[in-house]
Amino acid sequence: ALSMMEKELLIKKIEKGELIPEEDV
């Protein structure tokens, strides 16, 4: 998350399959 300048919660949700990443992410 830090290397991407995004929030850690976003990474957690994407890895759980709860969230589909947007194009830029």
PDBML (XML) file of the C-alpha atoms, coordinates in Angstrom:
<?xml version="1.0" encoding="UTF-8" ?>
<PDBx:datablock datablockName="MODEL"
   xmlns:PDBx="http://pdbml.pdb.org/schema/pdbx-v50.xsd"
   xmlns:xsi="http://www.w3.org/2001/XMLSchema-instance"
   xsi:schemaLocation="http://pdbml.pdb.org/schema/pdbx-v50.xsd pdbx-v50.xsd">
   <PDBx:atom_siteCategory>
      <PDBx:atom_site id="1">
         <PDBx:B_iso_or_equiv>0.00</PDBx:B_iso_or_equiv>
         <PDBx:Cartn_x>0.000</PDBx:Cartn_x>
         <PDBx:Cartn_y>0.000</PDBx:Cartn_y>
         <PDBx:Cartn_z>0.000</PDBx:Cartn_z>
         <PDBx:auth_asym_id>A</PDBx:auth_asym_id>
         <PDBx:auth_atom_id>CA</PDBx:auth_atom_id>
         <PDBx:auth_comp_id>ALA</PDBx:auth_comp_id>
         <PDBx:auth_seq_id>1</PDBx:auth_seq_id>
         <PDBx:group_PDB>ATOM</PDBx:group_PDB>
         <PDBx:label_alt_id xsi:nil="true" />
         <PDBx:label_asym_id>A</PDBx:label_asym_id>
         <PDBx:label_atom_id>CA</PDBx:label_atom_id>
         <PDBx:label_comp_id>ALA</PDBx:label_comp_id>
         <PDBx:label_entity_id>1</PDBx:label_entity_id>
         <PDBx:label_seq_id>1</PDBx:label_seq_id>
         <PDBx:occupancy>1.00</PDBx:occupancy>
         <PDBx:pdbx_PDB_model_num>1</PDBx:pdbx_PDB_model_num>
         <PDBx:type_symbol>C</PDBx:type_symbol>
      </PDBx:atom_site>
      <PDBx:atom_site id="2">
         <PDBx:B_iso_or_equiv>0.00</PDBx:B_iso_or_equiv>
         <PDBx:Cartn_x>2.812</PDBx:Cartn_x>
         <PDBx:Cartn_y>2.425</PDBx:Cartn_y>
         <PDBx:Cartn_z>0.846</PDBx:Cartn_z>
         <PDBx:auth_asym_id>A</PDBx:auth_asym_id>
         <PDBx:auth_atom_id>CA</PDBx:auth_atom_id>
         <PDBx:auth_comp_id>LEU</PDBx:auth_comp_id>
         <PDBx:auth_seq_id>2</PDBx:auth_seq_id>
         <PDBx:group_PDB>ATOM</PDBx:group_PDB>
         <PDBx:label_alt_id xsi:nil="true" />
         <PDBx:label_asym_id>A</PDBx:label_asym_id>
         <PDBx:label_atom_id>CA</PDBx:label_atom_id>
         <PDBx:label_comp_id>LEU</PDBx:label_comp_id>
         <PDBx:label_entity_id>1</PDBx:label_entity_id>
         <PDBx:label_seq_id>2</PDBx:label_seq_id>
         <PDBx:occupancy>1.00</PDBx:occupancy>
         <PDBx:pdbx_PDB_model_num>1</PDBx:pdbx_PDB_model_num>
         <PDBx:type_symbol>C</PDBx:type_symbol>
      </PDBx:atom_site>
      <PDBx:atom_site id="3">
         <PDBx:B_iso_or_equiv>0.00</PDBx:B_iso_or_equiv>
         <PDBx:Cartn_x>4.668</PDBx:Cartn_x>
         <PDBx:Cartn_y>1.712</PDBx:Cartn_y>
         <PDBx:Cartn_z>-2.396</PDBx:Cartn_z>
         <PDBx:auth_asym_id>A</PDBx:auth_asym_id>
         <PDBx:auth_atom_id>CA</PDBx:auth_atom_id>
         <PDBx:auth_comp_id>SER</PDBx:auth_comp_id>
         <PDBx:auth_seq_id>3</PDBx:auth_seq_id>
         <PDBx:group_PDB>ATOM</PDBx:group_PDB>
         <PDBx:label_alt_id xsi:nil="true" />
         <PDBx:label_asym_id>A</PDBx:label_asym_id>
         <PDBx:label_atom_id>CA</PDBx:label_atom_id>
         <PDBx:label_comp_id>SER</PDBx:label_comp_id>
         <PDBx:label_entity_id>1</PDBx:label_entity_id>
         <PDBx:label_seq_id>3</PDBx:label_seq_id>
         <PDBx:occupancy>1.00</PDBx:occupancy>
         <PDBx:pdbx_PDB_model_num>1</PDBx:pdbx_PDB_model_num>
         <PDBx:type_symbol>C</PDBx:type_symbol>
      </PDBx:atom_site>
      <PDBx:atom_site id="4">
         <PDBx:B_iso_or_equiv>0.00</PDBx:B_iso_or_equiv>
         <PDBx:Cartn_x>1.465</PDBx:Cartn_x>
         <PDBx:Cartn_y>2.374</PDBx:Cartn_y>
         <PDBx:Cartn_z>-4.352</PDBx:Cartn_z>
         <PDBx:auth_asym_id>A</PDBx:auth_asym_id>
         <PDBx:auth_atom_id>CA</PDBx:auth_atom_id>
         <PDBx:auth_comp_id>MET</PDBx:auth_comp_id>
         <PDBx:auth_seq_id>4</PDBx:auth_seq_id>
         <PDBx:group_PDB>ATOM</PDBx:group_PDB>
         <PDBx:label_alt_id xsi:nil="true" />
         <PDBx:label_asym_id>A</PDBx:label_asym_id>
         <PDBx:label_atom_id>CA</PDBx:label_atom_id>
         <PDBx:label_comp_id>MET</PDBx:label_comp_id>
         <PDBx:label_entity_id>1</PDBx:label_entity_id>
         <PDBx:label_seq_id>4</PDBx:label_seq_id>
         <PDBx:occupancy>1.00</PDBx:occupancy>
         <PDBx:pdbx_PDB_model_num>1</PDBx:pdbx_PDB_model_num>
         <PDBx:type_symbol>C</PDBx:type_symbol>
      </PDBx:atom_site>
      <PDBx:atom_site id="5">
         <PDBx:B_iso_or_equiv>0.00</PDBx:B_iso_or_equiv>
         <PDBx:Cartn_x>0.466</PDBx:Cartn_x>
         <PDBx:Cartn_y>5.431</PDBx:Cartn_y>
         <PDBx:Cartn_z>-2.285</PDBx:Cartn_z>
         <PDBx:auth_asym_id>A</PDBx:auth_asym_id>
         <PDBx:auth_atom_id>CA</PDBx:auth_atom_id>
         <PDBx:auth_comp_id>MET</PDBx:auth_comp_id>
         <PDBx:auth_seq_id>5</PDBx:auth_seq_id>
         <PDBx:group_PDB>ATOM</PDBx:group_PDB>
         <PDBx:label_alt_id xsi:nil="true" />
         <PDBx:label_asym_id>A</PDBx:label_asym_id>
         <PDBx:label_atom_id>CA</PDBx:label_atom_id>
         <PDBx:label_comp_id>MET</PDBx:label_comp_id>
         <PDBx:label_entity_id>1</PDBx:label_entity_id>
         <PDBx:label_seq_id>5</PDBx:label_seq_id>
         <PDBx:occupancy>1.00</PDBx:occupancy>
         <PDBx:pdbx_PDB_model_num>1</PDBx:pdbx_PDB_model_num>
         <PDBx:type_symbol>C</PDBx:type_symbol>
      </PDBx:atom_site>
      <PDBx:atom_site id="6">
         <PDBx:B_iso_or_equiv>0.00</PDBx:B_iso_or_equiv>
         <PDBx:Cartn_x>-2.861</PDBx:Cartn_x>
         <PDBx:Cartn_y>3.775</PDBx:Cartn_y>
         <PDBx:Cartn_z>-1.444</PDBx:Cartn_z>
         <PDBx:auth_asym_id>A</PDBx:auth_asym_id>
         <PDBx:auth_atom_id>CA</PDBx:auth_atom_id>
         <PDBx:auth_comp_id>GLU</PDBx:auth_comp_id>
         <PDBx:auth_seq_id>6</PDBx:auth_seq_id>
         <PDBx:group_PDB>ATOM</PDBx:group_PDB>
         <PDBx:label_alt_id xsi:nil="true" />
         <PDBx:label_asym_id>A</PDBx:label_asym_id>
         <PDBx:label_atom_id>CA</PDBx:label_atom_id>
         <PDBx:label_comp_id>GLU</PDBx:label_comp_id>
         <PDBx:label_entity_id>1</PDBx:label_entity_id>
         <PDBx:label_seq_id>6</PDBx:label_seq_id>
         <PDBx:occupancy>1.00</PDBx:occupancy>
         <PDBx:pdbx_PDB_model_num>1</PDBx:pdbx_PDB_model_num>
         <PDBx:type_symbol>C</PDBx:type_symbol>
      </PDBx:atom_site>
      <PDBx:atom_site id="7">
         <PDBx:B_iso_or_equiv>0.00</PDBx:B_iso_or_equiv>
         <PDBx:Cartn_x>-4.555</PDBx:Cartn_x>
         <PDBx:Cartn_y>2.740</PDBx:Cartn_y>
         <PDBx:Cartn_z>1.803</PDBx:Cartn_z>
         <PDBx:auth_asym_id>A</PDBx:auth_asym_id>
         <PDBx:auth_atom_id>CA</PDBx:auth_atom_id>
         <PDBx:auth_comp_id>LYS</PDBx:auth_comp_id>
         <PDBx:auth_seq_id>7</PDBx:auth_seq_id>
         <PDBx:group_PDB>ATOM</PDBx:group_PDB>
         <PDBx:label_alt_id xsi:nil="true" />
         <PDBx:label_asym_id>A</PDBx:label_asym_id>
         <PDBx:label_atom_id>CA</PDBx:label_atom_id>
         <PDBx:label_comp_id>LYS</PDBx:label_comp_id>
         <PDBx:label_entity_id>1</PDBx:label_entity_id>
         <PDBx:label_seq_id>7</PDBx:label_seq_id>
         <PDBx:occupancy>1.00</PDBx:occupancy>
         <PDBx:pdbx_PDB_model_num>1</PDBx:pdbx_PDB_model_num>
         <PDBx:type_symbol>C</PDBx:type_symbol>
      </PDBx:atom_site>
      <PDBx:atom_site id="8">
         <PDBx:B_iso_or_equiv>0.00</PDBx:B_iso_or_equiv>
         <PDBx:Cartn_x>-3.817</PDBx:Cartn_x>
         <PDBx:Cartn_y>-0.634</PDBx:Cartn_y>
         <PDBx:Cartn_z>3.367</PDBx:Cartn_z>
         <PDBx:auth_asym_id>A</PDBx:auth_asym_id>
         <PDBx:auth_atom_id>CA</PDBx:auth_atom_id>
         <PDBx:auth_comp_id>GLU</PDBx:auth_comp_id>
         <PDBx:auth_seq_id>8</PDBx:auth_seq_id>
         <PDBx:group_PDB>ATOM</PDBx:group_PDB>
         <PDBx:label_alt_id xsi:nil="true" />
         <PDBx:label_asym_id>A</PDBx:label_asym_id>
         <PDBx:label_atom_id>CA</PDBx:label_atom_id>
         <PDBx:label_comp_id>GLU</PDBx:label_comp_id>
         <PDBx:label_entity_id>1</PDBx:label_entity_id>
         <PDBx:label_seq_id>8</PDBx:label_seq_id>
         <PDBx:occupancy>1.00</PDBx:occupancy>
         <PDBx:pdbx_PDB_model_num>1</PDBx:pdbx_PDB_model_num>
         <PDBx:type_symbol>C</PDBx:type_symbol>
      </PDBx:atom_site>
      <PDBx:atom_site id="9">
         <PDBx:B_iso_or_equiv>0.00</PDBx:B_iso_or_equiv>
         <PDBx:Cartn_x>-7.547</PDBx:Cartn_x>
         <PDBx:Cartn_y>-1.350</PDBx:Cartn_y>
         <PDBx:Cartn_z>3.720</PDBx:Cartn_z>
         <PDBx:auth_asym_id>A</PDBx:auth_asym_id>
         <PDBx:auth_atom_id>CA</PDBx:auth_atom_id>
         <PDBx:auth_comp_id>LEU</PDBx:auth_comp_id>
         <PDBx:auth_seq_id>9</PDBx:auth_seq_id>
         <PDBx:group_PDB>ATOM</PDBx:group_PDB>
         <PDBx:label_alt_id xsi:nil="true" />
         <PDBx:label_asym_id>A</PDBx:label_asym_id>
         <PDBx:label_atom_id>CA</PDBx:label_atom_id>
         <PDBx:label_comp_id>LEU</PDBx:label_comp_id>
         <PDBx:label_entity_id>1</PDBx:label_entity_id>
         <PDBx:label_seq_id>9</PDBx:label_seq_id>
         <PDBx:occupancy>1.00</PDBx:occupancy>
         <PDBx:pdbx_PDB_model_num>1</PDBx:pdbx_PDB_model_num>
         <PDBx:type_symbol>C</PDBx:type_symbol>
      </PDBx:atom_site>
      <PDBx:atom_site id="10">
         <PDBx:B_iso_or_equiv>0.00</PDBx:B_iso_or_equiv>
         <PDBx:Cartn_x>-7.917</PDBx:Cartn_x>
         <PDBx:Cartn_y>-1.084</PDBx:Cartn_y>
         <PDBx:Cartn_z>-0.056</PDBx:Cartn_z>
         <PDBx:auth_asym_id>A</PDBx:auth_asym_id>
         <PDBx:auth_atom_id>CA</PDBx:auth_atom_id>
         <PDBx:auth_comp_id>LEU</PDBx:auth_comp_id>
         <PDBx:auth_seq_id>10</PDBx:auth_seq_id>
         <PDBx:group_PDB>ATOM</PDBx:group_PDB>
         <PDBx:label_alt_id xsi:nil="true" />
         <PDBx:label_asym_id>A</PDBx:label_asym_id>
         <PDBx:label_atom_id>CA</PDBx:label_atom_id>
         <PDBx:label_comp_id>LEU</PDBx:label_comp_id>
         <PDBx:label_entity_id>1</PDBx:label_entity_id>
         <PDBx:label_seq_id>10</PDBx:label_seq_id>
         <PDBx:occupancy>1.00</PDBx:occupancy>
         <PDBx:pdbx_PDB_model_num>1</PDBx:pdbx_PDB_model_num>
         <PDBx:type_symbol>C</PDBx:type_symbol>
      </PDBx:atom_site>
      <PDBx:atom_site id="11">
         <PDBx:B_iso_or_equiv>0.00</PDBx:B_iso_or_equiv>
         <PDBx:Cartn_x>-5.267</PDBx:Cartn_x>
         <PDBx:Cartn_y>-3.778</PDBx:Cartn_y>
         <PDBx:Cartn_z>-0.564</PDBx:Cartn_z>
         <PDBx:auth_asym_id>A</PDBx:auth_asym_id>
         <PDBx:auth_atom_id>CA</PDBx:auth_atom_id>
         <PDBx:auth_comp_id>ILE</PDBx:auth_comp_id>
         <PDBx:auth_seq_id>11</PDBx:auth_seq_id>
         <PDBx:group_PDB>ATOM</PDBx:group_PDB>
         <PDBx:label_alt_id xsi:nil="true" />
         <PDBx:label_asym_id>A</PDBx:label_asym_id>
         <PDBx:label_atom_id>CA</PDBx:label_atom_id>
         <PDBx:label_comp_id>ILE</PDBx:label_comp_id>
         <PDBx:label_entity_id>1</PDBx:label_entity_id>
         <PDBx:label_seq_id>11</PDBx:label_seq_id>
         <PDBx:occupancy>1.00</PDBx:occupancy>
         <PDBx:pdbx_PDB_model_num>1</PDBx:pdbx_PDB_model_num>
         <PDBx:type_symbol>C</PDBx:type_symbol>
      </PDBx:atom_site>
      <PDBx:atom_site id="12">
         <PDBx:B_iso_or_equiv>0.00</PDBx:B_iso_or_equiv>
         <PDBx:Cartn_x>-6.888</PDBx:Cartn_x>
         <PDBx:Cartn_y>-6.018</PDBx:Cartn_y>
         <PDBx:Cartn_z>2.056</PDBx:Cartn_z>
         <PDBx:auth_asym_id>A</PDBx:auth_asym_id>
         <PDBx:auth_atom_id>CA</PDBx:auth_atom_id>
         <PDBx:auth_comp_id>LYS</PDBx:auth_comp_id>
         <PDBx:auth_seq_id>12</PDBx:auth_seq_id>
         <PDBx:group_PDB>ATOM</PDBx:group_PDB>
         <PDBx:label_alt_id xsi:nil="true" />
         <PDBx:label_asym_id>A</PDBx:label_asym_id>
         <PDBx:label_atom_id>CA</PDBx:label_atom_id>
         <PDBx:label_comp_id>LYS</PDBx:label_comp_id>
         <PDBx:label_entity_id>1</PDBx:label_entity_id>
         <PDBx:label_seq_id>12</PDBx:label_seq_id>
         <PDBx:occupancy>1.00</PDBx:occupancy>
         <PDBx:pdbx_PDB_model_num>1</PDBx:pdbx_PDB_model_num>
         <PDBx:type_symbol>C</PDBx:type_symbol>
      </PDBx:atom_site>
      <PDBx:atom_site id="13">
         <PDBx:B_iso_or_equiv>0.00</PDBx:B_iso_or_equiv>
         <PDBx:Cartn_x>-10.310</PDBx:Cartn_x>
         <PDBx:Cartn_y>-5.786</PDBx:Cartn_y>
         <PDBx:Cartn_z>0.385</PDBx:Cartn_z>
         <PDBx:auth_asym_id>A</PDBx:auth_asym_id>
         <PDBx:auth_atom_id>CA</PDBx:auth_atom_id>
         <PDBx:auth_comp_id>LYS</PDBx:auth_comp_id>
         <PDBx:auth_seq_id>13</PDBx:auth_seq_id>
         <PDBx:group_PDB>ATOM</PDBx:group_PDB>
         <PDBx:label_alt_id xsi:nil="true" />
         <PDBx:label_asym_id>A</PDBx:label_asym_id>
         <PDBx:label_atom_id>CA</PDBx:label_atom_id>
         <PDBx:label_comp_id>LYS</PDBx:label_comp_id>
         <PDBx:label_entity_id>1</PDBx:label_entity_id>
         <PDBx:label_seq_id>13</PDBx:label_seq_id>
         <PDBx:occupancy>1.00</PDBx:occupancy>
         <PDBx:pdbx_PDB_model_num>1</PDBx:pdbx_PDB_model_num>
         <PDBx:type_symbol>C</PDBx:type_symbol>
      </PDBx:atom_site>
      <PDBx:atom_site id="14">
         <PDBx:B_iso_or_equiv>0.00</PDBx:B_iso_or_equiv>
         <PDBx:Cartn_x>-8.896</PDBx:Cartn_x>
         <PDBx:Cartn_y>-6.413</PDBx:Cartn_y>
         <PDBx:Cartn_z>-3.078</PDBx:Cartn_z>
         <PDBx:auth_asym_id>A</PDBx:auth_asym_id>
         <PDBx:auth_atom_id>CA</PDBx:auth_atom_id>
         <PDBx:auth_comp_id>ILE</PDBx:auth_comp_id>
         <PDBx:auth_seq_id>14</PDBx:auth_seq_id>
         <PDBx:group_PDB>ATOM</PDBx:group_PDB>
         <PDBx:label_alt_id xsi:nil="true" />
         <PDBx:label_asym_id>A</PDBx:label_asym_id>
         <PDBx:label_atom_id>CA</PDBx:label_atom_id>
         <PDBx:label_comp_id>ILE</PDBx:label_comp_id>
         <PDBx:label_entity_id>1</PDBx:label_entity_id>
         <PDBx:label_seq_id>14</PDBx:label_seq_id>
         <PDBx:occupancy>1.00</PDBx:occupancy>
         <PDBx:pdbx_PDB_model_num>1</PDBx:pdbx_PDB_model_num>
         <PDBx:type_symbol>C</PDBx:type_symbol>
      </PDBx:atom_site>
      <PDBx:atom_site id="15">
         <PDBx:B_iso_or_equiv>0.00</PDBx:B_iso_or_equiv>
         <PDBx:Cartn_x>-6.977</PDBx:Cartn_x>
         <PDBx:Cartn_y>-9.471</PDBx:Cartn_y>
         <PDBx:Cartn_z>-1.842</PDBx:Cartn_z>
         <PDBx:auth_asym_id>A</PDBx:auth_asym_id>
         <PDBx:auth_atom_id>CA</PDBx:auth_atom_id>
         <PDBx:auth_comp_id>GLU</PDBx:auth_comp_id>
         <PDBx:auth_seq_id>15</PDBx:auth_seq_id>
         <PDBx:group_PDB>ATOM</PDBx:group_PDB>
         <PDBx:label_alt_id xsi:nil="true" />
         <PDBx:label_asym_id>A</PDBx:label_asym_id>
         <PDBx:label_atom_id>CA</PDBx:label_atom_id>
         <PDBx:label_comp_id>GLU</PDBx:label_comp_id>
         <PDBx:label_entity_id>1</PDBx:label_entity_id>
         <PDBx:label_seq_id>15</PDBx:label_seq_id>
         <PDBx:occupancy>1.00</PDBx:occupancy>
         <PDBx:pdbx_PDB_model_num>1</PDBx:pdbx_PDB_model_num>
         <PDBx:type_symbol>C</PDBx:type_symbol>
      </PDBx:atom_site>
      <PDBx:atom_site id="16">
         <PDBx:B_iso_or_equiv>0.00</PDBx:B_iso_or_equiv>
         <PDBx:Cartn_x>-10.123</PDBx:Cartn_x>
         <PDBx:Cartn_y>-10.854</PDBx:Cartn_y>
         <PDBx:Cartn_z>-0.191</PDBx:Cartn_z>
         <PDBx:auth_asym_id>A</PDBx:auth_asym_id>
         <PDBx:auth_atom_id>CA</PDBx:auth_atom_id>
         <PDBx:auth_comp_id>LYS</PDBx:auth_comp_id>
         <PDBx:auth_seq_id>16</PDBx:auth_seq_id>
         <PDBx:group_PDB>ATOM</PDBx:group_PDB>
         <PDBx:label_alt_id xsi:nil="true" />
         <PDBx:label_asym_id>A</PDBx:label_asym_id>
         <PDBx:label_atom_id>CA</PDBx:label_atom_id>
         <PDBx:label_comp_id>LYS</PDBx:label_comp_id>
         <PDBx:label_entity_id>1</PDBx:label_entity_id>
         <PDBx:label_seq_id>16</PDBx:label_seq_id>
         <PDBx:occupancy>1.00</PDBx:occupancy>
         <PDBx:pdbx_PDB_model_num>1</PDBx:pdbx_PDB_model_num>
         <PDBx:type_symbol>C</PDBx:type_symbol>
      </PDBx:atom_site>
      <PDBx:atom_site id="17">
         <PDBx:B_iso_or_equiv>0.00</PDBx:B_iso_or_equiv>
         <PDBx:Cartn_x>-12.017</PDBx:Cartn_x>
         <PDBx:Cartn_y>-10.419</PDBx:Cartn_y>
         <PDBx:Cartn_z>-3.464</PDBx:Cartn_z>
         <PDBx:auth_asym_id>A</PDBx:auth_asym_id>
         <PDBx:auth_atom_id>CA</PDBx:auth_atom_id>
         <PDBx:auth_comp_id>GLY</PDBx:auth_comp_id>
         <PDBx:auth_seq_id>17</PDBx:auth_seq_id>
         <PDBx:group_PDB>ATOM</PDBx:group_PDB>
         <PDBx:label_alt_id xsi:nil="true" />
         <PDBx:label_asym_id>A</PDBx:label_asym_id>
         <PDBx:label_atom_id>CA</PDBx:label_atom_id>
         <PDBx:label_comp_id>GLY</PDBx:label_comp_id>
         <PDBx:label_entity_id>1</PDBx:label_entity_id>
         <PDBx:label_seq_id>17</PDBx:label_seq_id>
         <PDBx:occupancy>1.00</PDBx:occupancy>
         <PDBx:pdbx_PDB_model_num>1</PDBx:pdbx_PDB_model_num>
         <PDBx:type_symbol>C</PDBx:type_symbol>
      </PDBx:atom_site>
      <PDBx:atom_site id="18">
         <PDBx:B_iso_or_equiv>0.00</PDBx:B_iso_or_equiv>
         <PDBx:Cartn_x>-14.477</PDBx:Cartn_x>
         <PDBx:Cartn_y>-8.004</PDBx:Cartn_y>
         <PDBx:Cartn_z>-1.842</PDBx:Cartn_z>
         <PDBx:auth_asym_id>A</PDBx:auth_asym_id>
         <PDBx:auth_atom_id>CA</PDBx:auth_atom_id>
         <PDBx:auth_comp_id>GLU</PDBx:auth_comp_id>
         <PDBx:auth_seq_id>18</PDBx:auth_seq_id>
         <PDBx:group_PDB>ATOM</PDBx:group_PDB>
         <PDBx:label_alt_id xsi:nil="true" />
         <PDBx:label_asym_id>A</PDBx:label_asym_id>
         <PDBx:label_atom_id>CA</PDBx:label_atom_id>
         <PDBx:label_comp_id>GLU</PDBx:label_comp_id>
         <PDBx:label_entity_id>1</PDBx:label_entity_id>
         <PDBx:label_seq_id>18</PDBx:label_seq_id>
         <PDBx:occupancy>1.00</PDBx:occupancy>
         <PDBx:pdbx_PDB_model_num>1</PDBx:pdbx_PDB_model_num>
         <PDBx:type_symbol>C</PDBx:type_symbol>
      </PDBx:atom_site>
      <PDBx:atom_site id="19">
         <PDBx:B_iso_or_equiv>0.00</PDBx:B_iso_or_equiv>
         <PDBx:Cartn_x>-13.462</PDBx:Cartn_x>
         <PDBx:Cartn_y>-5.155</PDBx:Cartn_y>
         <PDBx:Cartn_z>-4.119</PDBx:Cartn_z>
         <PDBx:auth_asym_id>A</PDBx:auth_asym_id>
         <PDBx:auth_atom_id>CA</PDBx:auth_atom_id>
         <PDBx:auth_comp_id>LEU</PDBx:auth_comp_id>
         <PDBx:auth_seq_id>19</PDBx:auth_seq_id>
         <PDBx:group_PDB>ATOM</PDBx:group_PDB>
         <PDBx:label_alt_id xsi:nil="true" />
         <PDBx:label_asym_id>A</PDBx:label_asym_id>
         <PDBx:label_atom_id>CA</PDBx:label_atom_id>
         <PDBx:label_comp_id>LEU</PDBx:label_comp_id>
         <PDBx:label_entity_id>1</PDBx:label_entity_id>
         <PDBx:label_seq_id>19</PDBx:label_seq_id>
         <PDBx:occupancy>1.00</PDBx:occupancy>
         <PDBx:pdbx_PDB_model_num>1</PDBx:pdbx_PDB_model_num>
         <PDBx:type_symbol>C</PDBx:type_symbol>
      </PDBx:atom_site>
      <PDBx:atom_site id="20">
         <PDBx:B_iso_or_equiv>0.00</PDBx:B_iso_or_equiv>
         <PDBx:Cartn_x>-12.608</PDBx:Cartn_x>
         <PDBx:Cartn_y>-5.043</PDBx:Cartn_y>
         <PDBx:Cartn_z>-7.796</PDBx:Cartn_z>
         <PDBx:auth_asym_id>A</PDBx:auth_asym_id>
         <PDBx:auth_atom_id>CA</PDBx:auth_atom_id>
         <PDBx:auth_comp_id>ILE</PDBx:auth_comp_id>
         <PDBx:auth_seq_id>20</PDBx:auth_seq_id>
         <PDBx:group_PDB>ATOM</PDBx:group_PDB>
         <PDBx:label_alt_id xsi:nil="true" />
         <PDBx:label_asym_id>A</PDBx:label_asym_id>
         <PDBx:label_atom_id>CA</PDBx:label_atom_id>
         <PDBx:label_comp_id>ILE</PDBx:label_comp_id>
         <PDBx:label_entity_id>1</PDBx:label_entity_id>
         <PDBx:label_seq_id>20</PDBx:label_seq_id>
         <PDBx:occupancy>1.00</PDBx:occupancy>
         <PDBx:pdbx_PDB_model_num>1</PDBx:pdbx_PDB_model_num>
         <PDBx:type_symbol>C</PDBx:type_symbol>
      </PDBx:atom_site>
      <PDBx:atom_site id="21">
         <PDBx:B_iso_or_equiv>0.00</PDBx:B_iso_or_equiv>
         <PDBx:Cartn_x>-9.722</PDBx:Cartn_x>
         <PDBx:Cartn_y>-2.624</PDBx:Cartn_y>
         <PDBx:Cartn_z>-8.350</PDBx:Cartn_z>
         <PDBx:auth_asym_id>A</PDBx:auth_asym_id>
         <PDBx:auth_atom_id>CA</PDBx:auth_atom_id>
         <PDBx:auth_comp_id>PRO</PDBx:auth_comp_id>
         <PDBx:auth_seq_id>21</PDBx:auth_seq_id>
         <PDBx:group_PDB>ATOM</PDBx:group_PDB>
         <PDBx:label_alt_id xsi:nil="true" />
         <PDBx:label_asym_id>A</PDBx:label_asym_id>
         <PDBx:label_atom_id>CA</PDBx:label_atom_id>
         <PDBx:label_comp_id>PRO</PDBx:label_comp_id>
         <PDBx:label_entity_id>1</PDBx:label_entity_id>
         <PDBx:label_seq_id>21</PDBx:label_seq_id>
         <PDBx:occupancy>1.00</PDBx:occupancy>
         <PDBx:pdbx_PDB_model_num>1</PDBx:pdbx_PDB_model_num>
         <PDBx:type_symbol>C</PDBx:type_symbol>
      </PDBx:atom_site>
      <PDBx:atom_site id="22">
         <PDBx:B_iso_or_equiv>0.00</PDBx:B_iso_or_equiv>
         <PDBx:Cartn_x>-10.360</PDBx:Cartn_x>
         <PDBx:Cartn_y>0.411</PDBx:Cartn_y>
         <PDBx:Cartn_z>-10.498</PDBx:Cartn_z>
         <PDBx:auth_asym_id>A</PDBx:auth_asym_id>
         <PDBx:auth_atom_id>CA</PDBx:auth_atom_id>
         <PDBx:auth_comp_id>GLU</PDBx:auth_comp_id>
         <PDBx:auth_seq_id>22</PDBx:auth_seq_id>
         <PDBx:group_PDB>ATOM</PDBx:group_PDB>
         <PDBx:label_alt_id xsi:nil="true" />
         <PDBx:label_asym_id>A</PDBx:label_asym_id>
         <PDBx:label_atom_id>CA</PDBx:label_atom_id>
         <PDBx:label_comp_id>GLU</PDBx:label_comp_id>
         <PDBx:label_entity_id>1</PDBx:label_entity_id>
         <PDBx:label_seq_id>22</PDBx:label_seq_id>
         <PDBx:occupancy>1.00</PDBx:occupancy>
         <PDBx:pdbx_PDB_model_num>1</PDBx:pdbx_PDB_model_num>
         <PDBx:type_symbol>C</PDBx:type_symbol>
      </PDBx:atom_site>
      <PDBx:atom_site id="23">
         <PDBx:B_iso_or_equiv>0.00</PDBx:B_iso_or_equiv>
         <PDBx:Cartn_x>-8.237</PDBx:Cartn_x>
         <PDBx:Cartn_y>0.974</PDBx:Cartn_y>
         <PDBx:Cartn_z>-13.589</PDBx:Cartn_z>
         <PDBx:auth_asym_id>A</PDBx:auth_asym_id>
         <PDBx:auth_atom_id>CA</PDBx:auth_atom_id>
         <PDBx:auth_comp_id>GLU</PDBx:auth_comp_id>
         <PDBx:auth_seq_id>23</PDBx:auth_seq_id>
         <PDBx:group_PDB>ATOM</PDBx:group_PDB>
         <PDBx:label_alt_id xsi:nil="true" />
         <PDBx:label_asym_id>A</PDBx:label_asym_id>
         <PDBx:label_atom_id>CA</PDBx:label_atom_id>
         <PDBx:label_comp_id>GLU</PDBx:label_comp_id>
         <PDBx:label_entity_id>1</PDBx:label_entity_id>
         <PDBx:label_seq_id>23</PDBx:label_seq_id>
         <PDBx:occupancy>1.00</PDBx:occupancy>
         <PDBx:pdbx_PDB_model_num>1</PDBx:pdbx_PDB_model_num>
         <PDBx:type_symbol>C</PDBx:type_symbol>
      </PDBx:atom_site>
      <PDBx:atom_site id="24">
         <PDBx:B_iso_or_equiv>0.00</PDBx:B_iso_or_equiv>
         <PDBx:Cartn_x>-5.646</PDBx:Cartn_x>
         <PDBx:Cartn_y>3.253</PDBx:Cartn_y>
         <PDBx:Cartn_z>-11.957</PDBx:Cartn_z>
         <PDBx:auth_asym_id>A</PDBx:auth_asym_id>
         <PDBx:auth_atom_id>CA</PDBx:auth_atom_id>
         <PDBx:auth_comp_id>ASP</PDBx:auth_comp_id>
         <PDBx:auth_seq_id>24</PDBx:auth_seq_id>
         <PDBx:group_PDB>ATOM</PDBx:group_PDB>
         <PDBx:label_alt_id xsi:nil="true" />
         <PDBx:label_asym_id>A</PDBx:label_asym_id>
         <PDBx:label_atom_id>CA</PDBx:label_atom_id>
         <PDBx:label_comp_id>ASP</PDBx:label_comp_id>
         <PDBx:label_entity_id>1</PDBx:label_entity_id>
         <PDBx:label_seq_id>24</PDBx:label_seq_id>
         <PDBx:occupancy>1.00</PDBx:occupancy>
         <PDBx:pdbx_PDB_model_num>1</PDBx:pdbx_PDB_model_num>
         <PDBx:type_symbol>C</PDBx:type_symbol>
      </PDBx:atom_site>
      <PDBx:atom_site id="25">
         <PDBx:B_iso_or_equiv>0.00</PDBx:B_iso_or_equiv>
         <PDBx:Cartn_x>-5.272</PDBx:Cartn_x>
         <PDBx:Cartn_y>1.000</PDBx:Cartn_y>
         <PDBx:Cartn_z>-8.888</PDBx:Cartn_z>
         <PDBx:auth_asym_id>A</PDBx:auth_asym_id>
         <PDBx:auth_atom_id>CA</PDBx:auth_atom_id>
         <PDBx:auth_comp_id>VAL</PDBx:auth_comp_id>
         <PDBx:auth_seq_id>25</PDBx:auth_seq_id>
         <PDBx:group_PDB>ATOM</PDBx:group_PDB>
         <PDBx:label_alt_id xsi:nil="true" />
         <PDBx:label_asym_id>A</PDBx:label_asym_id>
         <PDBx:label_atom_id>CA</PDBx:label_atom_id>
         <PDBx:label_comp_id>VAL</PDBx:label_comp_id>
         <PDBx:label_entity_id>1</PDBx:label_entity_id>
         <PDBx:label_seq_id>25</PDBx:label_seq_id>
         <PDBx:occupancy>1.00</PDBx:occupancy>
         <PDBx:pdbx_PDB_model_num>1</PDBx:pdbx_PDB_model_num>
         <PDBx:type_symbol>C</PDBx:type_symbol>
      </PDBx:atom_site>
   </PDBx:atom_siteCategory>
</PDBx:datablock>
